[in-house]
PDB file of all heavy atoms in Angstrom:
ATOM      1  N   ILE A   1       7.932  51.627 -31.751  1.00  0.00           N
ATOM      2  CA  ILE A   1       9.296  51.902 -31.314  1.00  0.00           C
ATOM      3  C   ILE A   1       9.802  53.112 -32.074  1.00  0.00           C
ATOM      4  O   ILE A   1       9.754  53.131 -33.305  1.00  0.00           O
ATOM      5  CB  ILE A   1      10.208  50.691 -31.567  1.00  0.00           C
ATOM      6  CG1 ILE A   1       9.692  49.488 -30.795  1.00  0.00           C
ATOM      7  CG2 ILE A   1      11.658  51.009 -31.215  1.00  0.00           C
ATOM      8  CD1 ILE A   1      10.296  48.167 -31.209  1.00  0.00           C
ATOM      9  N   THR A   2      10.264  54.119 -31.344  1.00  0.00           N
ATOM     10  CA  THR A   2      10.903  55.267 -31.990  1.00  0.00           C
ATOM     11  C   THR A   2      12.402  55.128 -31.759  1.00  0.00           C
ATOM     12  O   THR A   2      12.860  55.003 -30.618  1.00  0.00           O
ATOM     13  CB  THR A   2      10.387  56.610 -31.434  1.00  0.00           C
ATOM     14  OG1 THR A   2      10.575  56.650 -30.026  1.00  0.00           O
ATOM     15  CG2 THR A   2       8.912  56.809 -31.765  1.00  0.00           C
ATOM     16  N   HIS A   3      13.138  55.111 -32.852  1.00  0.00           N
ATOM     17  CA  HIS A   3      14.587  54.973 -32.780  1.00  0.00           C
ATOM     18  C   HIS A   3      15.203  56.239 -33.366  1.00  0.00           C
ATOM     19  O   HIS A   3      15.159  56.458 -34.569  1.00  0.00           O
ATOM     20  CB  HIS A   3      15.063  53.733 -33.548  1.00  0.00           C
ATOM     21  CG  HIS A   3      16.536  53.527 -33.427  1.00  0.00           C
ATOM     22  ND1 HIS A   3      17.125  53.084 -32.264  1.00  0.00           N
ATOM     23  CD2 HIS A   3      17.539  53.731 -34.304  1.00  0.00           C
ATOM     24  CE1 HIS A   3      18.432  53.008 -32.446  1.00  0.00           C
ATOM     25  NE2 HIS A   3      18.702  53.395 -33.682  1.00  0.00           N
ATOM     26  N   GLU A   4      15.738  57.043 -32.459  1.00  0.00           N
ATOM     27  CA  GLU A   4      16.300  58.334 -32.864  1.00  0.00           C
ATOM     28  C   GLU A   4      17.257  58.809 -31.784  1.00  0.00           C
ATOM     29  O   GLU A   4      17.190  58.344 -30.648  1.00  0.00           O
ATOM     30  CB  GLU A   4      15.181  59.354 -33.080  1.00  0.00           C
ATOM     31  CG  GLU A   4      14.289  59.494 -31.862  1.00  0.00           C
ATOM     32  CD  GLU A   4      13.072  60.357 -32.091  1.00  0.00           C
ATOM     33  OE1 GLU A   4      13.124  61.282 -32.905  1.00  0.00           O
ATOM     34  OE2 GLU A   4      12.054  60.109 -31.425  1.00  0.00           O
ATOM     35  N   ARG A   5      18.103  59.716 -32.126  1.00  0.00           N
ATOM     36  CA  ARG A   5      19.115  60.186 -31.178  1.00  0.00           C
ATOM     37  C   ARG A   5      18.558  61.197 -30.175  1.00  0.00           C
ATOM     38  O   ARG A   5      18.977  61.255 -29.050  1.00  0.00           O
ATOM     39  CB  ARG A   5      20.299  60.832 -31.913  1.00  0.00           C
ATOM     40  CG  ARG A   5      20.998  59.885 -32.859  1.00  0.00           C
ATOM     41  CD  ARG A   5      21.706  58.756 -32.100  1.00  0.00           C
ATOM     42  NE  ARG A   5      22.287  57.828 -33.032  1.00  0.00           N
ATOM     43  CZ  ARG A   5      21.869  56.588 -33.205  1.00  0.00           C
ATOM     44  NH1 ARG A   5      20.887  56.114 -32.522  1.00  0.00           N
ATOM     45  NH2 ARG A   5      22.451  55.795 -34.061  1.00  0.00           N
ATOM     46  N   ARG A   6      17.575  62.032 -30.589  1.00  0.00           N
ATOM     47  CA  ARG A   6      17.145  63.139 -29.734  1.00  0.00           C
ATOM     48  C   ARG A   6      15.750  62.985 -29.130  1.00  0.00           C
ATOM     49  O   ARG A   6      15.359  63.782 -28.305  1.00  0.00           O
ATOM     50  CB  ARG A   6      17.213  64.449 -30.514  1.00  0.00           C
ATOM     51  CG  ARG A   6      18.634  64.767 -30.961  1.00  0.00           C
ATOM     52  CD  ARG A   6      18.699  66.015 -31.746  1.00  0.00           C
ATOM     53  NE  ARG A   6      17.853  65.872 -32.935  1.00  0.00           N
ATOM     54  CZ  ARG A   6      17.728  66.789 -33.854  1.00  0.00           C
ATOM     55  NH1 ARG A   6      18.349  67.926 -33.733  1.00  0.00           N
ATOM     56  NH2 ARG A   6      16.957  66.581 -34.896  1.00  0.00           N
ATOM     57  N   GLY A   7      14.972  62.029 -29.517  1.00  0.00           N
ATOM     58  CA  GLY A   7      13.658  61.821 -28.927  1.00  0.00           C
ATOM     59  C   GLY A   7      12.570  62.760 -29.407  1.00  0.00           C
ATOM     60  O   GLY A   7      11.539  62.900 -28.761  1.00  0.00           O
ATOM     61  N   LEU A   8      12.774  63.403 -30.546  1.00  0.00           N
ATOM     62  CA  LEU A   8      11.787  64.363 -31.054  1.00  0.00           C
ATOM     63  C   LEU A   8      10.481  63.692 -31.463  1.00  0.00           C
ATOM     64  O   LEU A   8       9.399  64.175 -31.140  1.00  0.00           O
ATOM     65  CB  LEU A   8      12.368  65.147 -32.229  1.00  0.00           C
ATOM     66  CG  LEU A   8      13.605  65.987 -31.912  1.00  0.00           C
ATOM     67  CD1 LEU A   8      14.187  66.590 -33.181  1.00  0.00           C
ATOM     68  CD2 LEU A   8      13.273  67.055 -30.896  1.00  0.00           C
ATOM     69  N   TRP A   9      10.573  62.570 -32.172  1.00  0.00           N
ATOM     70  CA  TRP A   9       9.351  61.898 -32.617  1.00  0.00           C
ATOM     71  C   TRP A   9       8.564  61.340 -31.439  1.00  0.00           C
ATOM     72  O   TRP A   9       7.337  61.406 -31.410  1.00  0.00           O
ATOM     73  CB  TRP A   9       9.669  60.793 -33.634  1.00  0.00           C
ATOM     74  CG  TRP A   9       9.862  61.337 -34.994  1.00  0.00           C
ATOM     75  CD1 TRP A   9      11.021  61.349 -35.717  1.00  0.00           C
ATOM     76  CD2 TRP A   9       8.885  61.991 -35.808  1.00  0.00           C
ATOM     77  NE1 TRP A   9      10.816  61.974 -36.922  1.00  0.00           N
ATOM     78  CE2 TRP A   9       9.509  62.376 -37.007  1.00  0.00           C
ATOM     79  CE3 TRP A   9       7.542  62.308 -35.635  1.00  0.00           C
ATOM     80  CZ2 TRP A   9       8.841  63.035 -38.027  1.00  0.00           C
ATOM     81  CZ3 TRP A   9       6.872  62.972 -36.661  1.00  0.00           C
ATOM     82  CH2 TRP A   9       7.519  63.326 -37.831  1.00  0.00           C
ATOM     83  N   ALA A  10       9.254  60.793 -30.483  1.00  0.00           N
ATOM     84  CA  ALA A  10       8.559  60.252 -29.318  1.00  0.00           C
ATOM     85  C   ALA A  10       7.745  61.338 -28.623  1.00  0.00           C
ATOM     86  O   ALA A  10       6.583  61.126 -28.259  1.00  0.00           O
ATOM     87  CB  ALA A  10       9.561  59.631 -28.348  1.00  0.00           C
ATOM     88  N   ARG A  11       8.327  62.516 -28.448  1.00  0.00           N
ATOM     89  CA  ARG A  11       7.609  63.627 -27.797  1.00  0.00           C
ATOM     90  C   ARG A  11       6.430  64.108 -28.622  1.00  0.00           C
ATOM     91  O   ARG A  11       5.414  64.532 -28.071  1.00  0.00           O
ATOM     92  CB  ARG A  11       8.562  64.788 -27.533  1.00  0.00           C
ATOM     93  CG  ARG A  11       9.459  64.560 -26.338  1.00  0.00           C
ATOM     94  CD  ARG A  11      10.150  65.832 -25.911  1.00  0.00           C
ATOM     95  NE  ARG A  11      10.936  66.483 -26.940  1.00  0.00           N
ATOM     96  CZ  ARG A  11      12.199  66.201 -27.224  1.00  0.00           C
ATOM     97  NH1 ARG A  11      12.819  65.260 -26.554  1.00  0.00           N
ATOM     98  NH2 ARG A  11      12.841  66.852 -28.158  1.00  0.00           N
ATOM     99  N   GLN A  12       6.529  64.055 -29.926  1.00  0.00           N
ATOM    100  CA  GLN A  12       5.453  64.514 -30.799  1.00  0.00           C
ATOM    101  C   GLN A  12       4.318  63.495 -30.909  1.00  0.00           C
ATOM    102  O   GLN A  12       3.154  63.869 -31.030  1.00  0.00           O
ATOM    103  CB  GLN A  12       5.987  64.816 -32.204  1.00  0.00           C
ATOM    104  CG  GLN A  12       6.833  66.036 -32.298  1.00  0.00           C
ATOM    105  CD  GLN A  12       6.015  67.300 -32.066  1.00  0.00           C
ATOM    106  OE1 GLN A  12       4.854  67.400 -32.448  1.00  0.00           O
ATOM    107  NE2 GLN A  12       6.630  68.266 -31.417  1.00  0.00           N
ATOM    108  N   LEU A  13       4.645  62.214 -30.879  1.00  0.00           N
ATOM    109  CA  LEU A  13       3.649  61.181 -31.170  1.00  0.00           C
ATOM    110  C   LEU A  13       2.889  60.671 -29.949  1.00  0.00           C
ATOM    111  O   LEU A  13       1.688  60.423 -30.039  1.00  0.00           O
ATOM    112  CB  LEU A  13       4.322  60.005 -31.887  1.00  0.00           C
ATOM    113  CG  LEU A  13       4.906  60.334 -33.267  1.00  0.00           C
ATOM    114  CD1 LEU A  13       5.680  59.142 -33.797  1.00  0.00           C
ATOM    115  CD2 LEU A  13       3.826  60.768 -34.232  1.00  0.00           C
ATOM    116  N   ARG A  14       3.556  60.495 -28.837  1.00  0.00           N
ATOM    117  CA  ARG A  14       2.912  59.916 -27.647  1.00  0.00           C
ATOM    118  C   ARG A  14       1.590  60.578 -27.273  1.00  0.00           C
ATOM    119  O   ARG A  14       0.609  59.881 -27.027  1.00  0.00           O
ATOM    120  CB  ARG A  14       3.848  59.981 -26.444  1.00  0.00           C
ATOM    121  CG  ARG A  14       4.757  58.821 -26.329  1.00  0.00           C
ATOM    122  CD  ARG A  14       5.600  58.983 -25.065  1.00  0.00           C
ATOM    123  NE  ARG A  14       6.683  58.053 -25.065  1.00  0.00           N
ATOM    124  CZ  ARG A  14       6.724  56.977 -24.303  1.00  0.00           C
ATOM    125  NH1 ARG A  14       5.749  56.702 -23.483  1.00  0.00           N
ATOM    126  NH2 ARG A  14       7.744  56.163 -24.360  1.00  0.00           N
ATOM    127  N   PRO A  15       1.527  61.909 -27.209  1.00  0.00           N
ATOM    128  CA  PRO A  15       0.265  62.535 -26.773  1.00  0.00           C
ATOM    129  C   PRO A  15      -0.879  62.380 -27.780  1.00  0.00           C
ATOM    130  O   PRO A  15      -2.031  62.637 -27.446  1.00  0.00           O
ATOM    131  CB  PRO A  15       0.620  64.014 -26.622  1.00  0.00           C
ATOM    132  CG  PRO A  15       2.083  64.136 -26.777  1.00  0.00           C
ATOM    133  CD  PRO A  15       2.591  62.871 -27.380  1.00  0.00           C
ATOM    134  N   ARG A  16      -0.586  61.951 -28.994  1.00  0.00           N
ATOM    135  CA  ARG A  16      -1.602  61.892 -30.042  1.00  0.00           C
ATOM    136  C   ARG A  16      -2.253  60.528 -30.195  1.00  0.00           C
ATOM    137  O   ARG A  16      -3.083  60.339 -31.083  1.00  0.00           O
ATOM    138  CB  ARG A  16      -0.978  62.333 -31.363  1.00  0.00           C
ATOM    139  CG  ARG A  16      -0.554  63.781 -31.283  1.00  0.00           C
ATOM    140  CD  ARG A  16       0.268  64.217 -32.434  1.00  0.00           C
ATOM    141  NE  ARG A  16       0.692  65.595 -32.152  1.00  0.00           N
ATOM    142  CZ  ARG A  16       1.040  66.442 -33.047  1.00  0.00           C
ATOM    143  NH1 ARG A  16       1.039  66.106 -34.311  1.00  0.00           N
ATOM    144  NH2 ARG A  16       1.418  67.656 -32.719  1.00  0.00           N
ATOM    145  N   PHE A  17      -1.880  59.573 -29.349  1.00  0.00           N
ATOM    146  CA  PHE A  17      -2.460  58.235 -29.411  1.00  0.00           C
ATOM    147  C   PHE A  17      -2.960  57.842 -28.026  1.00  0.00           C
ATOM    148  O   PHE A  17      -2.342  58.185 -27.025  1.00  0.00           O
ATOM    149  CB  PHE A  17      -1.416  57.201 -29.878  1.00  0.00           C
ATOM    150  CG  PHE A  17      -1.092  57.295 -31.330  1.00  0.00           C
ATOM    151  CD1 PHE A  17      -0.033  58.069 -31.763  1.00  0.00           C
ATOM    152  CD2 PHE A  17      -1.853  56.624 -32.267  1.00  0.00           C
ATOM    153  CE1 PHE A  17       0.272  58.159 -33.106  1.00  0.00           C
ATOM    154  CE2 PHE A  17      -1.560  56.707 -33.618  1.00  0.00           C
ATOM    155  CZ  PHE A  17      -0.495  57.477 -34.037  1.00  0.00           C
ATOM    156  N   PRO A  18      -4.042  57.087 -27.972  1.00  0.00           N
ATOM    157  CA  PRO A  18      -4.545  56.619 -26.668  1.00  0.00           C
ATOM    158  C   PRO A  18      -3.501  55.728 -25.991  1.00  0.00           C
ATOM    159  O   PRO A  18      -2.980  54.806 -26.610  1.00  0.00           O
ATOM    160  CB  PRO A  18      -5.795  55.819 -27.006  1.00  0.00           C
ATOM    161  CG  PRO A  18      -6.031  55.992 -28.460  1.00  0.00           C
ATOM    162  CD  PRO A  18      -4.836  56.635 -29.078  1.00  0.00           C
ATOM    163  N   SER A  19      -3.200  56.034 -24.758  1.00  0.00           N
ATOM    164  CA  SER A  19      -2.131  55.315 -24.063  1.00  0.00           C
ATOM    165  C   SER A  19      -2.444  53.832 -23.853  1.00  0.00           C
ATOM    166  O   SER A  19      -1.540  53.013 -23.808  1.00  0.00           O
ATOM    167  CB  SER A  19      -1.829  55.976 -22.723  1.00  0.00           C
ATOM    168  OG  SER A  19      -2.981  55.962 -21.905  1.00  0.00           O
ATOM    169  N   GLU A  20      -3.716  53.475 -23.718  1.00  0.00           N
ATOM    170  CA  GLU A  20      -4.044  52.078 -23.446  1.00  0.00           C
ATOM    171  C   GLU A  20      -3.874  51.166 -24.661  1.00  0.00           C
ATOM    172  O   GLU A  20      -3.794  49.951 -24.522  1.00  0.00           O
ATOM    173  CB  GLU A  20      -5.465  51.942 -22.882  1.00  0.00           C
ATOM    174  CG  GLU A  20      -6.558  52.296 -23.864  1.00  0.00           C
ATOM    175  CD  GLU A  20      -6.875  53.794 -23.933  1.00  0.00           C
ATOM    176  OE1 GLU A  20      -6.272  54.575 -23.200  1.00  0.00           O
ATOM    177  OE2 GLU A  20      -7.738  54.149 -24.744  1.00  0.00           O
ATOM    178  N   SER A  21      -3.829  51.718 -25.866  1.00  0.00           N
ATOM    179  CA  SER A  21      -3.725  50.868 -27.051  1.00  0.00           C
ATOM    180  C   SER A  21      -2.321  50.810 -27.653  1.00  0.00           C
ATOM    181  O   SER A  21      -2.083  50.040 -28.567  1.00  0.00           O
ATOM    182  CB  SER A  21      -4.717  51.324 -28.123  1.00  0.00           C
ATOM    183  OG  SER A  21      -4.379  52.623 -28.558  1.00  0.00           O
ATOM    184  N   ILE A  22      -1.394  51.622 -27.127  1.00  0.00           N
ATOM    185  CA  ILE A  22      -0.040  51.673 -27.677  1.00  0.00           C
ATOM    186  C   ILE A  22       0.970  51.457 -26.561  1.00  0.00           C
ATOM    187  O   ILE A  22       0.897  52.076 -25.506  1.00  0.00           O
ATOM    188  CB  ILE A  22       0.251  53.044 -28.336  1.00  0.00           C
ATOM    189  CG1 ILE A  22      -0.755  53.385 -29.420  1.00  0.00           C
ATOM    190  CG2 ILE A  22       1.680  53.087 -28.890  1.00  0.00           C
ATOM    191  CD1 ILE A  22      -0.716  52.489 -30.624  1.00  0.00           C
ATOM    192  N   ARG A  23       1.917  50.576 -26.822  1.00  0.00           N
ATOM    193  CA  ARG A  23       3.076  50.413 -25.937  1.00  0.00           C
ATOM    194  C   ARG A  23       4.228  51.147 -26.621  1.00  0.00           C
ATOM    195  O   ARG A  23       4.666  50.748 -27.697  1.00  0.00           O
ATOM    196  CB  ARG A  23       3.421  48.940 -25.748  1.00  0.00           C
ATOM    197  CG  ARG A  23       4.681  48.724 -24.900  1.00  0.00           C
ATOM    198  CD  ARG A  23       5.049  47.258 -24.774  1.00  0.00           C
ATOM    199  NE  ARG A  23       3.963  46.517 -24.156  1.00  0.00           N
ATOM    200  CZ  ARG A  23       3.311  45.509 -24.752  1.00  0.00           C
ATOM    201  NH1 ARG A  23       3.621  45.134 -25.963  1.00  0.00           N
ATOM    202  NH2 ARG A  23       2.338  44.874 -24.125  1.00  0.00           N
ATOM    203  N   TRP A  24       4.699  52.218 -26.017  1.00  0.00           N
ATOM    204  CA  TRP A  24       5.768  53.035 -26.594  1.00  0.00           C
ATOM    205  C   TRP A  24       7.114  52.586 -26.064  1.00  0.00           C
ATOM    206  O   TRP A  24       7.285  52.382 -24.866  1.00  0.00           O
ATOM    207  CB  TRP A  24       5.571  54.504 -26.244  1.00  0.00           C
ATOM    208  CG  TRP A  24       4.400  55.107 -26.935  1.00  0.00           C
ATOM    209  CD1 TRP A  24       3.147  55.243 -26.433  1.00  0.00           C
ATOM    210  CD2 TRP A  24       4.360  55.621 -28.260  1.00  0.00           C
ATOM    211  NE1 TRP A  24       2.324  55.814 -27.371  1.00  0.00           N
ATOM    212  CE2 TRP A  24       3.040  56.064 -28.500  1.00  0.00           C
ATOM    213  CE3 TRP A  24       5.299  55.753 -29.275  1.00  0.00           C
ATOM    214  CZ2 TRP A  24       2.650  56.630 -29.708  1.00  0.00           C
ATOM    215  CZ3 TRP A  24       4.907  56.320 -30.480  1.00  0.00           C
ATOM    216  CH2 TRP A  24       3.601  56.742 -30.683  1.00  0.00           C
ATOM    217  N   VAL A  25       8.066  52.464 -26.979  1.00  0.00           N
ATOM    218  CA  VAL A  25       9.435  52.133 -26.599  1.00  0.00           C
ATOM    219  C   VAL A  25      10.346  53.096 -27.344  1.00  0.00           C
ATOM    220  O   VAL A  25      10.234  53.246 -28.565  1.00  0.00           O
ATOM    221  CB  VAL A  25       9.796  50.675 -26.974  1.00  0.00           C
ATOM    222  CG1 VAL A  25      11.226  50.352 -26.563  1.00  0.00           C
ATOM    223  CG2 VAL A  25       8.813  49.690 -26.353  1.00  0.00           C
ATOM    224  N   GLU A  26      11.226  53.759 -26.611  1.00  0.00           N
ATOM    225  CA  GLU A  26      12.210  54.652 -27.218  1.00  0.00           C
ATOM    226  C   GLU A  26      13.572  53.983 -27.152  1.00  0.00           C
ATOM    227  O   GLU A  26      13.958  53.469 -26.102  1.00  0.00           O
ATOM    228  CB  GLU A  26      12.275  55.983 -26.471  1.00  0.00           C
ATOM    229  CG  GLU A  26      11.026  56.808 -26.584  1.00  0.00           C
ATOM    230  CD  GLU A  26      11.161  58.128 -25.844  1.00  0.00           C
ATOM    231  OE1 GLU A  26      12.164  58.843 -26.062  1.00  0.00           O
ATOM    232  OE2 GLU A  26      10.263  58.430 -25.041  1.00  0.00           O
ATOM    233  N   THR A  27      14.292  53.999 -28.278  1.00  0.00           N
ATOM    234  CA  THR A  27      15.638  53.430 -28.300  1.00  0.00           C
ATOM    235  C   THR A  27      16.598  54.444 -28.893  1.00  0.00           C
ATOM    236  O   THR A  27      16.212  55.279 -29.718  1.00  0.00           O
ATOM    237  CB  THR A  27      15.696  52.115 -29.104  1.00  0.00           C
ATOM    238  OG1 THR A  27      15.361  52.369 -30.467  1.00  0.00           O
ATOM    239  CG2 THR A  27      14.766  51.064 -28.525  1.00  0.00           C
TER     240      THR A  27
END
């Protein structure tokens, strides 16, 4: 879970992990 106002970490981290092993949630 990335909890931030602007979504910077979510944009940086998602492409660097295999999508099938991580469930991403932005809040």
